[in-house]
């Protein structure tokens, strides 16, 4: 009987890796953003100062100083915003570490402390499910009611939902910005999302049938769809040019569902990223015996 109630904190922590991974990766991104902003501002300020010579007029010198101060103030505002984000992430990280540290203070599964821990974990998973189903308001209300705002990834899901929504409305700019921001991570998982977005931009230009737009579409395809390792998108773009706008031939038939498909793809790939919005344990962990024990704990309140 003692074996059935023994709690292995280390095995439980294996299931909780995603809970700590996201704040850690977001802090790394935050630091890189700060470094990049400092480098950009430093280069601009150095160039501005170097442009001054002994022969520069007082007006030119004053204008250069004003420009330098403006750049420094802009950098200060950006760094303040990043610092505020960093503080939020540190707070979340601290709350999550303290939450998981409770496992080492629980002697057995029969202890009332484990019931409380399992209930909090269940609340987290419910919020996670609501977020993934795009019930953002319900997820926020549940997290606030349970006091677990720092244990769930509402801001990350909200951003992803906002970008996906703009994509479904036919605006690819924010989605392309997201792809640029996560370029290295998307490359690691072999994502073609950016190419899909560029192809959709090409389609919007080509489907007008206007000669000027067609030429713009060709330039766009040469810049973004041709010359890479994946030749499929360049070939698809060429095929689109060979068919009339109202063609019924697949896969060149225009479809209004394309943006919805891209929106779903973005949401799915956000979860697939190494630092993606992920609160629930991954399926391969559920496949272990510890995973089944975990599910049993949630179902029966062990």
Protein backbone atom coordinates (compact mmCIF):
# COMPACT_ATOMS: atom_id res chain seq x y z
CA UNK A 1 0.00 0.00 0.00
CA UNK A 2 2.90 2.29 0.77
CA UNK A 3 4.18 1.88 -2.80
CA UNK A 4 0.83 2.99 -4.22
CA UNK A 5 0.92 6.26 -2.32
CA UNK A 6 4.61 7.02 -2.81
CA UNK A 7 5.13 10.33 -4.59
CA UNK A 8 8.10 10.63 -6.96
CA UNK A 9 8.62 14.37 -7.26
CA UNK A 10 11.22 13.93 -10.01
CA UNK A 11 8.82 11.92 -12.18
CA UNK A 12 6.12 14.53 -11.66
CA UNK A 13 8.54 17.29 -12.65
CA UNK A 14 9.20 15.56 -15.97
CA UNK A 15 5.60 16.34 -16.85
CA UNK A 16 6.00 19.98 -15.90
CA UNK A 17 8.98 20.96 -18.05
CA UNK A 18 6.90 23.13 -20.43
CA UNK A 19 5.69 25.18 -17.47
CA UNK A 20 9.23 26.53 -16.91
CA UNK A 21 10.43 26.44 -20.51
CA UNK A 22 8.33 29.27 -21.90
CA UNK A 23 9.30 32.03 -19.40
CA UNK A 24 12.95 30.99 -19.75
CA UNK A 25 12.89 31.23 -23.55
CA UNK A 26 10.95 34.50 -23.48
CA UNK A 27 13.57 35.95 -21.15
CA UNK A 28 16.25 34.95 -23.64
CA UNK A 29 14.33 36.65 -26.44
CA UNK A 30 13.87 39.72 -24.25
CA UNK A 31 17.63 39.92 -23.61
CA UNK A 32 18.43 39.52 -27.31
CA UNK A 33 15.94 42.27 -28.17
CA UNK A 34 17.58 44.60 -25.64
CA UNK A 35 21.04 43.82 -27.01
CA UNK A 36 19.84 44.44 -30.57
CA UNK A 37 18.25 47.78 -29.67
CA UNK A 38 21.43 48.90 -27.88
CA UNK A 39 23.60 47.91 -30.86
CA UNK A 40 21.33 49.74 -33.33
CA UNK A 41 21.21 52.89 -31.21
CA UNK A 42 24.95 52.80 -30.52
CA UNK A 43 25.73 52.52 -34.22
CA UNK A 44 23.36 55.37 -35.11
CA UNK A 45 24.69 57.66 -32.36
CA UNK A 46 28.33 56.90 -33.24
CA UNK A 47 27.67 57.63 -36.91
CA UNK A 48 25.89 60.88 -36.05
CA UNK A 49 28.76 62.09 -33.87
CA UNK A 50 31.42 60.99 -36.37
CA UNK A 51 29.74 63.03 -39.09
CA UNK A 52 30.64 66.23 -37.23
CA UNK A 53 33.90 67.92 -38.10
CA UNK A 54 35.79 70.94 -36.89
CA UNK A 55 34.31 72.85 -39.82
CA UNK A 56 30.71 72.01 -38.90
CA UNK A 57 28.54 75.03 -38.25
CA UNK A 58 26.96 75.58 -34.82
CA UNK A 59 23.55 74.86 -36.35
CA UNK A 60 24.75 71.51 -37.74
CA UNK A 61 26.36 70.62 -34.42
CA UNK A 62 23.20 71.48 -32.50
CA UNK A 63 21.05 69.48 -34.95
CA UNK A 64 23.36 66.47 -34.57
CA UNK A 65 23.18 66.72 -30.78
CA UNK A 66 19.37 66.94 -30.90
CA UNK A 67 19.24 63.88 -33.14
CA UNK A 68 21.58 62.03 -30.77
CA UNK A 69 19.44 62.90 -27.76
CA UNK A 70 16.31 61.80 -29.60
CA UNK A 71 17.89 58.44 -30.41
CA UNK A 72 18.99 58.02 -26.79
CA UNK A 73 15.50 58.85 -25.51
CA UNK A 74 13.94 56.39 -27.97
CA UNK A 75 16.36 53.71 -26.78
CA UNK A 76 15.47 54.51 -23.16
CA UNK A 77 11.74 54.04 -23.85
CA UNK A 78 12.31 50.73 -25.62
CA UNK A 79 14.56 49.44 -22.84
CA UNK A 80 12.03 50.49 -20.19
CA UNK A 81 9.33 48.49 -22.00
CA UNK A 82 11.64 45.47 -22.23
CA UNK A 83 12.55 45.85 -18.55
CA UNK A 84 8.87 45.86 -17.57
CA UNK A 85 8.35 42.71 -19.63
CA UNK A 86 11.41 41.15 -17.99
CA UNK A 87 10.01 41.86 -14.51
CA UNK A 88 6.73 40.21 -15.47
CA UNK A 89 8.54 37.13 -16.77
CA UNK A 90 10.67 36.92 -13.62
CA UNK A 91 7.51 37.09 -11.53
CA UNK A 92 5.94 34.28 -13.55
CA UNK A 93 9.10 32.22 -13.35
CA UNK A 94 9.28 32.66 -9.56
CA UNK A 95 5.61 31.69 -9.13
CA UNK A 96 6.05 28.56 -11.25
CA UNK A 97 9.20 27.45 -9.46
CA UNK A 98 7.50 27.89 -6.10
CA UNK A 99 4.47 25.95 -7.36
CA UNK A 100 6.61 23.01 -8.49
CA UNK A 101 8.77 23.16 -5.36
CA UNK A 102 5.67 22.15 -3.40
CA UNK A 103 6.10 18.63 -4.79
CA UNK A 104 9.21 18.13 -2.66
CA UNK A 105 7.25 19.03 0.46
CA UNK A 106 4.52 16.45 -0.14
CA UNK A 107 5.30 13.10 1.56
CA UNK A 108 2.76 10.95 -0.34
CA UNK A 109 -0.15 10.96 -2.77
CA UNK A 110 -2.51 10.51 0.17
CA UNK A 111 -1.46 13.82 1.71
CA UNK A 112 -3.97 16.66 1.50
CA UNK A 113 -1.22 18.90 0.08
CA UNK A 114 -1.11 16.72 -3.01
CA UNK A 115 -4.86 17.14 -3.48
CA UNK A 116 -4.36 20.91 -3.54
CA UNK A 117 -1.41 20.62 -5.94
CA UNK A 118 -3.37 18.32 -8.28
CA UNK A 119 -6.34 20.70 -8.22
CA UNK A 120 -4.12 23.64 -9.18
CA UNK A 121 -2.61 21.56 -11.97
CA UNK A 122 -6.07 20.64 -13.22
CA UNK A 123 -7.06 24.32 -13.19
CA UNK A 124 -3.96 25.11 -15.25
CA UNK A 125 -4.83 22.45 -17.80
CA UNK A 126 -8.41 23.70 -18.05
CA UNK A 127 -7.16 27.23 -18.72
CA UNK A 128 -4.69 25.84 -21.27
CA UNK A 129 -7.50 23.96 -23.03
CA UNK A 130 -9.72 27.05 -23.15
CA UNK A 131 -6.85 29.09 -24.58
CA UNK A 132 -6.18 26.51 -27.28
CA UNK A 133 -9.86 26.52 -28.21
CA UNK A 134 -9.71 30.34 -28.44
CA UNK A 135 -12.01 30.95 -25.46
CA UNK A 136 -9.74 33.73 -24.22
CA UNK A 137 -12.31 35.51 -22.06
CA UNK A 138 -13.34 32.31 -20.27
CA UNK A 139 -9.68 31.36 -19.77
CA UNK A 140 -8.88 34.77 -18.26
CA UNK A 141 -11.87 34.61 -15.92
CA UNK A 142 -11.01 31.09 -14.75
CA UNK A 143 -7.34 31.97 -14.19
CA UNK A 144 -8.30 35.08 -12.22
CA UNK A 145 -10.86 33.17 -10.13
CA UNK A 146 -8.32 30.48 -9.27
CA UNK A 147 -5.45 32.93 -8.75
CA UNK A 148 -3.17 31.20 -11.26
CA UNK A 149 -2.49 34.03 -13.73
CA UNK A 150 1.28 33.60 -13.36
CA UNK A 151 1.02 29.83 -13.91
CA UNK A 152 -0.63 30.04 -17.34
CA UNK A 153 0.42 31.56 -20.67
CA UNK A 154 -2.46 33.92 -21.40
CA UNK A 155 -0.33 36.76 -22.92
CA UNK A 156 1.37 34.40 -25.37
CA UNK A 157 -1.90 32.81 -26.48
CA UNK A 158 -3.55 36.24 -26.72
CA UNK A 159 -0.81 37.50 -29.04
CA UNK A 160 -1.06 34.38 -31.19
CA UNK A 161 -4.86 34.71 -31.32
CA UNK A 162 -4.60 38.37 -32.33
CA UNK A 163 -2.17 37.59 -35.15
CA UNK A 164 -4.26 34.62 -36.33
CA UNK A 165 -7.36 36.81 -36.29
CA UNK A 166 -5.70 39.48 -38.42
CA UNK A 167 -4.57 36.73 -40.78
CA UNK A 168 -8.12 35.40 -41.13
CA UNK A 169 -9.17 38.94 -42.03
CA UNK A 170 -6.70 38.95 -44.90
CA UNK A 171 -3.82 40.88 -43.30
CA UNK A 172 -0.50 39.02 -43.45
CA UNK A 173 1.77 41.81 -42.15
CA UNK A 174 1.63 40.84 -38.48
CA UNK A 175 2.04 37.16 -39.32
CA UNK A 176 5.12 37.92 -41.43
CA UNK A 177 6.50 40.00 -38.56
CA UNK A 178 5.95 37.03 -36.24
CA UNK A 179 7.79 34.78 -38.72
CA UNK A 180 10.71 37.21 -38.85
CA UNK A 181 10.86 37.38 -35.06
CA UNK A 182 10.87 33.58 -34.78
CA UNK A 183 12.88 32.87 -37.93
CA UNK A 184 15.52 30.63 -36.34
CA UNK A 185 13.00 28.64 -34.32
CA UNK A 186 10.77 28.09 -37.37
CA UNK A 187 13.81 26.95 -39.35
CA UNK A 188 14.58 24.33 -36.70
CA UNK A 189 11.16 22.70 -37.10
CA UNK A 190 11.27 22.91 -40.91
CA UNK A 191 8.35 25.33 -41.14
CA UNK A 192 7.23 26.69 -44.52
CA UNK A 193 4.73 29.14 -43.02
CA UNK A 194 6.56 32.24 -44.23
CA UNK A 195 6.65 30.87 -47.78
CA UNK A 196 2.92 30.11 -47.56
CA UNK A 197 2.29 33.70 -46.50
CA UNK A 198 4.48 35.06 -49.30
CA UNK A 199 2.64 32.83 -51.78
CA UNK A 200 -0.69 34.19 -50.54
CA UNK A 201 0.60 37.73 -51.11
CA UNK A 202 1.51 36.64 -54.64
CA UNK A 203 -1.98 35.21 -55.18
CA UNK A 204 -3.63 38.46 -54.10
CA UNK A 205 -1.53 40.38 -56.61
CA UNK A 206 -1.98 37.89 -59.46
CA UNK A 207 -5.72 37.30 -59.08
CA UNK A 208 -6.51 40.95 -60.00
CA UNK A 209 -5.58 40.21 -63.61
CA UNK A 210 -4.17 43.72 -64.04
CA UNK A 211 -0.89 43.91 -65.94
CA UNK A 212 0.71 46.23 -63.38
CA UNK A 213 -0.23 43.93 -60.51
CA UNK A 214 0.96 40.88 -62.48
CA UNK A 215 4.38 42.46 -62.96
CA UNK A 216 4.45 43.30 -59.25
CA UNK A 217 3.53 39.67 -58.50
CA UNK A 218 6.41 38.40 -60.65
CA UNK A 219 8.89 40.68 -58.86
CA UNK A 220 7.47 39.50 -55.52
CA UNK A 221 7.86 35.84 -56.53
CA UNK A 222 11.45 36.34 -57.68
CA UNK A 223 12.31 38.02 -54.40
CA UNK A 224 10.57 35.69 -51.95
CA UNK A 225 9.64 32.40 -53.65
CA UNK A 226 12.45 31.60 -56.09
CA UNK A 227 16.04 30.62 -55.34
CA UNK A 228 15.52 28.93 -52.00
CA UNK A 229 15.97 25.28 -51.12
CA UNK A 230 12.21 24.67 -51.42
CA UNK A 231 11.32 25.06 -55.11
CA UNK A 232 7.68 24.02 -54.67
CA UNK A 233 6.45 27.55 -53.95
CA UNK A 234 8.17 29.03 -56.99
CA UNK A 235 6.60 26.35 -59.18
CA UNK A 236 3.17 26.99 -57.68
CA UNK A 237 3.55 30.70 -58.35
CA UNK A 238 4.49 29.98 -61.96
CA UNK A 239 1.48 27.69 -62.32
CA UNK A 240 -0.81 30.42 -61.02
CA UNK A 241 0.41 32.79 -63.73
CA UNK A 242 -0.43 30.20 -66.38
CA UNK A 243 -4.10 29.97 -65.33
CA UNK A 244 -6.89 32.54 -65.56
CA UNK A 245 -8.13 34.24 -62.42
CA UNK A 246 -11.40 32.27 -62.35
CA UNK A 247 -9.80 28.85 -62.95
CA UNK A 248 -11.37 25.79 -61.33
CA UNK A 249 -8.18 23.74 -61.69
CA UNK A 250 -6.73 22.53 -58.40
CA UNK A 251 -4.58 23.62 -56.65
CA UNK A 252 -4.83 26.97 -58.44
CA UNK A 253 -8.53 27.62 -57.81
CA UNK A 254 -8.90 30.77 -55.70
CA UNK A 255 -10.30 30.05 -52.27
CA UNK A 256 -11.55 32.39 -49.56
CA UNK A 257 -10.60 29.78 -46.96
CA UNK A 258 -6.86 30.26 -47.54
CA UNK A 259 -6.46 32.84 -44.79
CA UNK A 260 -8.35 30.70 -42.28
CA UNK A 261 -6.05 27.78 -43.12
CA UNK A 262 -2.98 29.99 -42.64
CA UNK A 263 -4.38 31.24 -39.34
CA UNK A 264 -4.75 27.68 -38.07
CA UNK A 265 -1.25 26.85 -39.31
CA UNK A 266 0.22 29.79 -37.42
CA UNK A 267 -1.53 28.76 -34.19
CA UNK A 268 -0.33 25.17 -34.58
CA UNK A 269 3.27 26.14 -35.32
CA UNK A 270 3.38 28.55 -32.38
CA UNK A 271 2.82 25.48 -30.18
CA UNK A 272 5.46 23.50 -32.10
CA UNK A 273 8.24 26.02 -31.51
CA UNK A 274 10.89 25.09 -28.93
CA UNK A 275 9.54 27.91 -26.73
CA UNK A 276 5.94 27.68 -27.96
CA UNK A 277 2.89 28.39 -25.85
CA UNK A 278 2.64 25.06 -24.13
CA UNK A 279 1.35 24.41 -20.63
CA UNK A 280 0.23 20.82 -20.97
CA UNK A 281 2.69 17.91 -21.05
CA UNK A 282 3.51 16.59 -24.49
CA UNK A 283 1.91 13.35 -25.79
CA UNK A 284 5.14 11.35 -25.59
CA UNK A 285 5.27 11.98 -21.84
CA UNK A 286 1.69 10.83 -21.48
CA UNK A 287 2.79 7.58 -23.07
CA UNK A 288 4.99 6.76 -20.09
CA UNK A 289 3.71 5.01 -16.99
CA UNK A 290 4.17 8.23 -15.07
CA UNK A 291 1.93 9.94 -17.59
CA UNK A 292 -0.88 7.47 -17.00
CA UNK A 293 -0.46 7.89 -13.25
CA UNK A 294 -0.71 11.63 -13.76
CA UNK A 295 -3.97 11.30 -15.69
CA UNK A 296 -5.29 8.96 -13.03
CA UNK A 297 -4.43 11.51 -10.34
CA UNK A 298 -6.45 14.16 -12.15
CA UNK A 299 -9.41 11.87 -12.76
CA UNK A 300 -9.69 10.34 -9.32
CA UNK A 301 -8.07 13.04 -7.20
CA UNK A 302 -5.37 10.66 -5.93
